[in-house]
Amino acid sequence: MNSKKALAMLGMATRAGKTVSGEFAVEQSVKQGTARLVLLAEDASDNTKKKFSNMCSYRTLPCLFLGDKETLGKAIGKEFRACVAVEDENLSKVIMGHISSN
């Protein structure tokens, strides 16, 4: 996993205005069909992990774990974030590629 590159791409997606963060905003993005990838912090609560895993699997949307809350928040220029949704198809594919690469 090349998490540094994935986090850098997440920051770029944020600067391009293609991400939403926070549980409510991510949930709305998923339900409206604008989310292309959901990233969860590994130290998010079990309830949050289950909620978004189930929501994404129902909609066949990729849901991946990346870093902790502090790292995820810092990547998008905010404080702590348990979840982030990427709303751009191409950027989400690049981020997934960096996460899954060995």
N, C-alpha and C. Protein backbone atom coordinates (compact mmCIF):
# COMPACT_ATOMS: atom_id res chain seq x y z
N MET A 1 0.85 -1.18 0.00
CA MET A 1 0.00 0.00 0.00
C MET A 1 0.89 1.24 0.00
N ASN A 2 0.64 2.13 -0.90
CA ASN A 2 1.39 3.37 -0.98
C ASN A 2 0.49 4.49 -0.46
N SER A 3 0.35 4.56 0.87
CA SER A 3 -0.61 5.48 1.46
C SER A 3 -0.20 6.94 1.31
N LYS A 4 1.10 7.23 1.26
CA LYS A 4 1.52 8.63 1.11
C LYS A 4 1.05 9.21 -0.22
N LYS A 5 1.18 8.43 -1.29
CA LYS A 5 0.72 8.90 -2.59
C LYS A 5 -0.80 9.01 -2.62
N ALA A 6 -1.48 8.05 -1.98
CA ALA A 6 -2.94 8.10 -1.93
C ALA A 6 -3.41 9.34 -1.17
N LEU A 7 -2.74 9.66 -0.07
CA LEU A 7 -3.10 10.84 0.71
C LEU A 7 -2.80 12.12 -0.07
N ALA A 8 -1.70 12.13 -0.82
CA ALA A 8 -1.38 13.29 -1.65
C ALA A 8 -2.44 13.50 -2.73
N MET A 9 -2.89 12.42 -3.33
CA MET A 9 -3.94 12.52 -4.35
C MET A 9 -5.27 12.95 -3.72
N LEU A 10 -5.51 12.52 -2.49
CA LEU A 10 -6.72 12.95 -1.79
C LEU A 10 -6.68 14.45 -1.54
N GLY A 11 -5.50 14.97 -1.19
CA GLY A 11 -5.34 16.41 -1.01
C GLY A 11 -5.58 17.16 -2.31
N MET A 12 -5.08 16.61 -3.40
CA MET A 12 -5.29 17.23 -4.71
C MET A 12 -6.78 17.24 -5.08
N ALA A 13 -7.46 16.13 -4.79
CA ALA A 13 -8.90 16.05 -5.06
C ALA A 13 -9.66 17.09 -4.23
N THR A 14 -9.21 17.31 -3.01
CA THR A 14 -9.86 18.31 -2.15
C THR A 14 -9.66 19.71 -2.71
N ARG A 15 -8.44 20.02 -3.14
CA ARG A 15 -8.17 21.33 -3.71
C ARG A 15 -8.96 21.55 -5.00
N ALA A 16 -9.29 20.47 -5.69
CA ALA A 16 -10.10 20.57 -6.91
C ALA A 16 -11.60 20.64 -6.59
N GLY A 17 -11.94 20.53 -5.31
CA GLY A 17 -13.35 20.59 -4.92
C GLY A 17 -14.11 19.32 -5.18
N LYS A 18 -13.42 18.20 -5.22
CA LYS A 18 -14.05 16.92 -5.56
C LYS A 18 -14.19 15.98 -4.37
N THR A 19 -14.10 16.49 -3.14
CA THR A 19 -14.30 15.65 -1.97
C THR A 19 -15.31 16.28 -1.03
N VAL A 20 -15.94 15.44 -0.23
CA VAL A 20 -16.77 15.89 0.88
C VAL A 20 -16.33 15.09 2.10
N SER A 21 -16.42 15.71 3.28
CA SER A 21 -15.97 15.01 4.48
C SER A 21 -16.98 15.19 5.60
N GLY A 22 -16.90 14.30 6.55
CA GLY A 22 -17.85 14.29 7.65
C GLY A 22 -18.95 13.29 7.36
N GLU A 23 -19.46 12.68 8.42
CA GLU A 23 -20.44 11.61 8.24
C GLU A 23 -21.68 12.04 7.47
N PHE A 24 -22.25 13.19 7.83
CA PHE A 24 -23.50 13.62 7.19
C PHE A 24 -23.29 13.90 5.70
N ALA A 25 -22.23 14.65 5.38
CA ALA A 25 -21.97 15.02 3.98
C ALA A 25 -21.64 13.79 3.14
N VAL A 26 -20.87 12.87 3.70
CA VAL A 26 -20.52 11.65 2.96
C VAL A 26 -21.77 10.81 2.74
N GLU A 27 -22.60 10.69 3.75
CA GLU A 27 -23.84 9.92 3.61
C GLU A 27 -24.73 10.50 2.51
N GLN A 28 -24.86 11.82 2.48
CA GLN A 28 -25.66 12.47 1.44
C GLN A 28 -25.06 12.24 0.06
N SER A 29 -23.74 12.31 -0.05
CA SER A 29 -23.07 12.09 -1.33
C SER A 29 -23.29 10.66 -1.84
N VAL A 30 -23.22 9.70 -0.93
CA VAL A 30 -23.44 8.31 -1.32
C VAL A 30 -24.89 8.10 -1.75
N LYS A 31 -25.83 8.62 -0.97
CA LYS A 31 -27.25 8.43 -1.28
C LYS A 31 -27.67 9.15 -2.55
N GLN A 32 -27.05 10.29 -2.86
CA GLN A 32 -27.38 11.02 -4.07
C GLN A 32 -26.68 10.45 -5.30
N GLY A 33 -25.72 9.56 -5.08
CA GLY A 33 -25.03 8.92 -6.19
C GLY A 33 -23.86 9.71 -6.74
N THR A 34 -23.41 10.74 -6.02
CA THR A 34 -22.28 11.53 -6.52
C THR A 34 -20.93 10.99 -6.04
N ALA A 35 -20.92 10.20 -4.97
CA ALA A 35 -19.66 9.64 -4.45
C ALA A 35 -19.17 8.52 -5.37
N ARG A 36 -17.87 8.48 -5.59
CA ARG A 36 -17.24 7.43 -6.40
C ARG A 36 -16.35 6.53 -5.56
N LEU A 37 -15.95 7.01 -4.37
CA LEU A 37 -15.09 6.27 -3.46
C LEU A 37 -15.30 6.82 -2.06
N VAL A 38 -15.41 5.93 -1.08
CA VAL A 38 -15.52 6.34 0.31
C VAL A 38 -14.28 5.85 1.04
N LEU A 39 -13.61 6.75 1.74
CA LEU A 39 -12.44 6.41 2.53
C LEU A 39 -12.78 6.56 4.00
N LEU A 40 -12.47 5.52 4.77
CA LEU A 40 -12.74 5.53 6.21
C LEU A 40 -11.44 5.46 6.98
N ALA A 41 -11.39 6.14 8.11
CA ALA A 41 -10.23 6.05 8.99
C ALA A 41 -10.27 4.70 9.71
N GLU A 42 -9.10 4.11 9.88
CA GLU A 42 -9.03 2.80 10.53
C GLU A 42 -9.45 2.87 11.99
N ASP A 43 -9.33 4.05 12.63
CA ASP A 43 -9.73 4.18 14.03
C ASP A 43 -11.12 4.79 14.18
N ALA A 44 -11.91 4.77 13.11
CA ALA A 44 -13.30 5.23 13.20
C ALA A 44 -14.08 4.25 14.08
N SER A 45 -15.20 4.70 14.61
CA SER A 45 -15.98 3.83 15.48
C SER A 45 -16.53 2.64 14.70
N ASP A 46 -16.78 1.56 15.41
CA ASP A 46 -17.32 0.36 14.77
C ASP A 46 -18.66 0.65 14.10
N ASN A 47 -19.46 1.51 14.72
CA ASN A 47 -20.75 1.86 14.14
C ASN A 47 -20.58 2.59 12.81
N THR A 48 -19.63 3.52 12.75
CA THR A 48 -19.37 4.26 11.51
C THR A 48 -18.86 3.33 10.43
N LYS A 49 -17.94 2.45 10.79
CA LYS A 49 -17.40 1.49 9.81
C LYS A 49 -18.51 0.62 9.24
N LYS A 50 -19.35 0.10 10.11
CA LYS A 50 -20.43 -0.78 9.67
C LYS A 50 -21.44 -0.02 8.80
N LYS A 51 -21.79 1.18 9.23
CA LYS A 51 -22.78 2.00 8.52
C LYS A 51 -22.32 2.25 7.08
N PHE A 52 -21.08 2.72 6.91
CA PHE A 52 -20.62 3.06 5.56
C PHE A 52 -20.25 1.82 4.75
N SER A 53 -19.77 0.77 5.39
CA SER A 53 -19.49 -0.47 4.66
C SER A 53 -20.78 -1.04 4.07
N ASN A 54 -21.84 -1.06 4.88
CA ASN A 54 -23.12 -1.57 4.41
C ASN A 54 -23.71 -0.67 3.33
N MET A 55 -23.64 0.63 3.53
CA MET A 55 -24.19 1.58 2.57
C MET A 55 -23.47 1.46 1.22
N CYS A 56 -22.15 1.31 1.27
CA CYS A 56 -21.37 1.22 0.02
C CYS A 56 -21.56 -0.13 -0.67
N SER A 57 -21.62 -1.20 0.10
CA SER A 57 -21.80 -2.51 -0.53
C SER A 57 -23.18 -2.61 -1.18
N TYR A 58 -24.19 -2.00 -0.59
CA TYR A 58 -25.53 -1.99 -1.17
C TYR A 58 -25.53 -1.28 -2.52
N ARG A 59 -24.72 -0.23 -2.65
CA ARG A 59 -24.67 0.56 -3.89
C ARG A 59 -23.48 0.19 -4.78
N THR A 60 -22.79 -0.90 -4.46
CA THR A 60 -21.59 -1.36 -5.17
C THR A 60 -20.58 -0.22 -5.37
N LEU A 61 -20.30 0.45 -4.28
CA LEU A 61 -19.38 1.58 -4.25
C LEU A 61 -18.15 1.16 -3.45
N PRO A 62 -16.93 1.43 -3.93
CA PRO A 62 -15.75 1.04 -3.17
C PRO A 62 -15.64 1.81 -1.85
N CYS A 63 -15.32 1.09 -0.80
CA CYS A 63 -15.15 1.67 0.53
C CYS A 63 -13.84 1.12 1.09
N LEU A 64 -12.86 1.98 1.28
CA LEU A 64 -11.53 1.54 1.69
C LEU A 64 -11.10 2.23 2.98
N PHE A 65 -10.16 1.60 3.68
CA PHE A 65 -9.60 2.17 4.91
C PHE A 65 -8.26 2.79 4.60
N LEU A 66 -8.03 4.00 5.12
CA LEU A 66 -6.79 4.71 4.84
C LEU A 66 -6.39 5.53 6.05
N GLY A 67 -5.36 5.12 6.76
CA GLY A 67 -4.82 5.89 7.88
C GLY A 67 -5.79 6.04 9.03
N ASP A 68 -5.43 6.94 9.93
CA ASP A 68 -6.30 7.21 11.08
C ASP A 68 -7.02 8.54 10.87
N LYS A 69 -7.83 8.94 11.84
CA LYS A 69 -8.64 10.16 11.70
C LYS A 69 -7.77 11.39 11.49
N GLU A 70 -6.69 11.48 12.24
CA GLU A 70 -5.82 12.65 12.14
C GLU A 70 -5.16 12.73 10.77
N THR A 71 -4.66 11.60 10.26
CA THR A 71 -4.00 11.56 8.95
C THR A 71 -4.99 11.90 7.84
N LEU A 72 -6.17 11.33 7.92
CA LEU A 72 -7.20 11.58 6.90
C LEU A 72 -7.61 13.05 6.90
N GLY A 73 -7.78 13.61 8.07
CA GLY A 73 -8.14 15.02 8.17
C GLY A 73 -7.04 15.93 7.66
N LYS A 74 -5.80 15.62 8.02
CA LYS A 74 -4.67 16.44 7.60
C LYS A 74 -4.51 16.42 6.08
N ALA A 75 -4.81 15.30 5.45
CA ALA A 75 -4.69 15.17 4.00
C ALA A 75 -5.64 16.11 3.26
N ILE A 76 -6.78 16.41 3.87
CA ILE A 76 -7.75 17.30 3.22
C ILE A 76 -7.75 18.70 3.82
N GLY A 77 -6.78 18.98 4.70
CA GLY A 77 -6.66 20.32 5.26
C GLY A 77 -7.64 20.64 6.36
N LYS A 78 -8.13 19.63 7.03
CA LYS A 78 -9.08 19.84 8.13
C LYS A 78 -8.50 19.20 9.39
N GLU A 79 -9.30 19.18 10.45
CA GLU A 79 -8.82 18.58 11.69
C GLU A 79 -8.98 17.06 11.62
N PHE A 80 -9.83 16.47 12.40
CA PHE A 80 -10.03 15.03 12.40
C PHE A 80 -11.21 14.69 11.49
N ARG A 81 -11.06 13.66 10.68
CA ARG A 81 -12.14 13.20 9.82
C ARG A 81 -12.18 11.68 9.84
N ALA A 82 -13.36 11.11 10.09
CA ALA A 82 -13.51 9.66 10.10
C ALA A 82 -13.83 9.13 8.71
N CYS A 83 -14.42 9.98 7.86
CA CYS A 83 -14.76 9.53 6.52
C CYS A 83 -14.70 10.68 5.51
N VAL A 84 -14.32 10.30 4.30
CA VAL A 84 -14.21 11.25 3.19
C VAL A 84 -14.73 10.55 1.94
N ALA A 85 -15.48 11.26 1.13
CA ALA A 85 -15.95 10.73 -0.15
C ALA A 85 -15.30 11.50 -1.28
N VAL A 86 -14.81 10.77 -2.28
CA VAL A 86 -14.25 11.38 -3.48
C VAL A 86 -15.33 11.33 -4.54
N GLU A 87 -15.61 12.47 -5.16
CA GLU A 87 -16.72 12.57 -6.11
C GLU A 87 -16.27 12.64 -7.57
N ASP A 88 -15.03 12.34 -7.84
CA ASP A 88 -14.52 12.34 -9.21
C ASP A 88 -14.07 10.94 -9.58
N GLU A 89 -14.55 10.44 -10.71
CA GLU A 89 -14.27 9.05 -11.14
C GLU A 89 -12.77 8.81 -11.33
N ASN A 90 -12.10 9.69 -12.07
CA ASN A 90 -10.69 9.48 -12.38
C ASN A 90 -9.81 9.58 -11.14
N LEU A 91 -10.05 10.58 -10.31
CA LEU A 91 -9.27 10.72 -9.08
C LEU A 91 -9.49 9.53 -8.15
N SER A 92 -10.70 9.03 -8.10
CA SER A 92 -10.97 7.88 -7.22
C SER A 92 -10.23 6.64 -7.71
N LYS A 93 -10.14 6.46 -9.03
CA LYS A 93 -9.40 5.31 -9.57
C LYS A 93 -7.92 5.41 -9.25
N VAL A 94 -7.36 6.62 -9.33
CA VAL A 94 -5.94 6.81 -9.02
C VAL A 94 -5.69 6.53 -7.54
N ILE A 95 -6.56 7.03 -6.67
CA ILE A 95 -6.39 6.81 -5.23
C ILE A 95 -6.51 5.32 -4.91
N MET A 96 -7.49 4.63 -5.51
CA MET A 96 -7.64 3.19 -5.29
C MET A 96 -6.41 2.44 -5.78
N GLY A 97 -5.83 2.86 -6.90
CA GLY A 97 -4.64 2.24 -7.41
C GLY A 97 -3.47 2.35 -6.46
N HIS A 98 -3.32 3.51 -5.84
CA HIS A 98 -2.23 3.71 -4.88
C HIS A 98 -2.46 2.91 -3.61
N ILE A 99 -3.70 2.76 -3.19
CA ILE A 99 -4.00 2.01 -1.97
C ILE A 99 -3.77 0.52 -2.20
N SER A 100 -4.18 0.01 -3.35
CA SER A 100 -4.08 -1.44 -3.61
C SER A 100 -2.71 -1.87 -4.11
N SER A 101 -1.86 -0.91 -4.56
CA SER A 101 -0.54 -1.30 -5.05
C SER A 101 0.37 -1.73 -3.90
N ASN A 102 1.27 -2.62 -4.19
CA ASN A 102 2.16 -3.13 -3.14
C ASN A 102 3.52 -2.53 -3.24
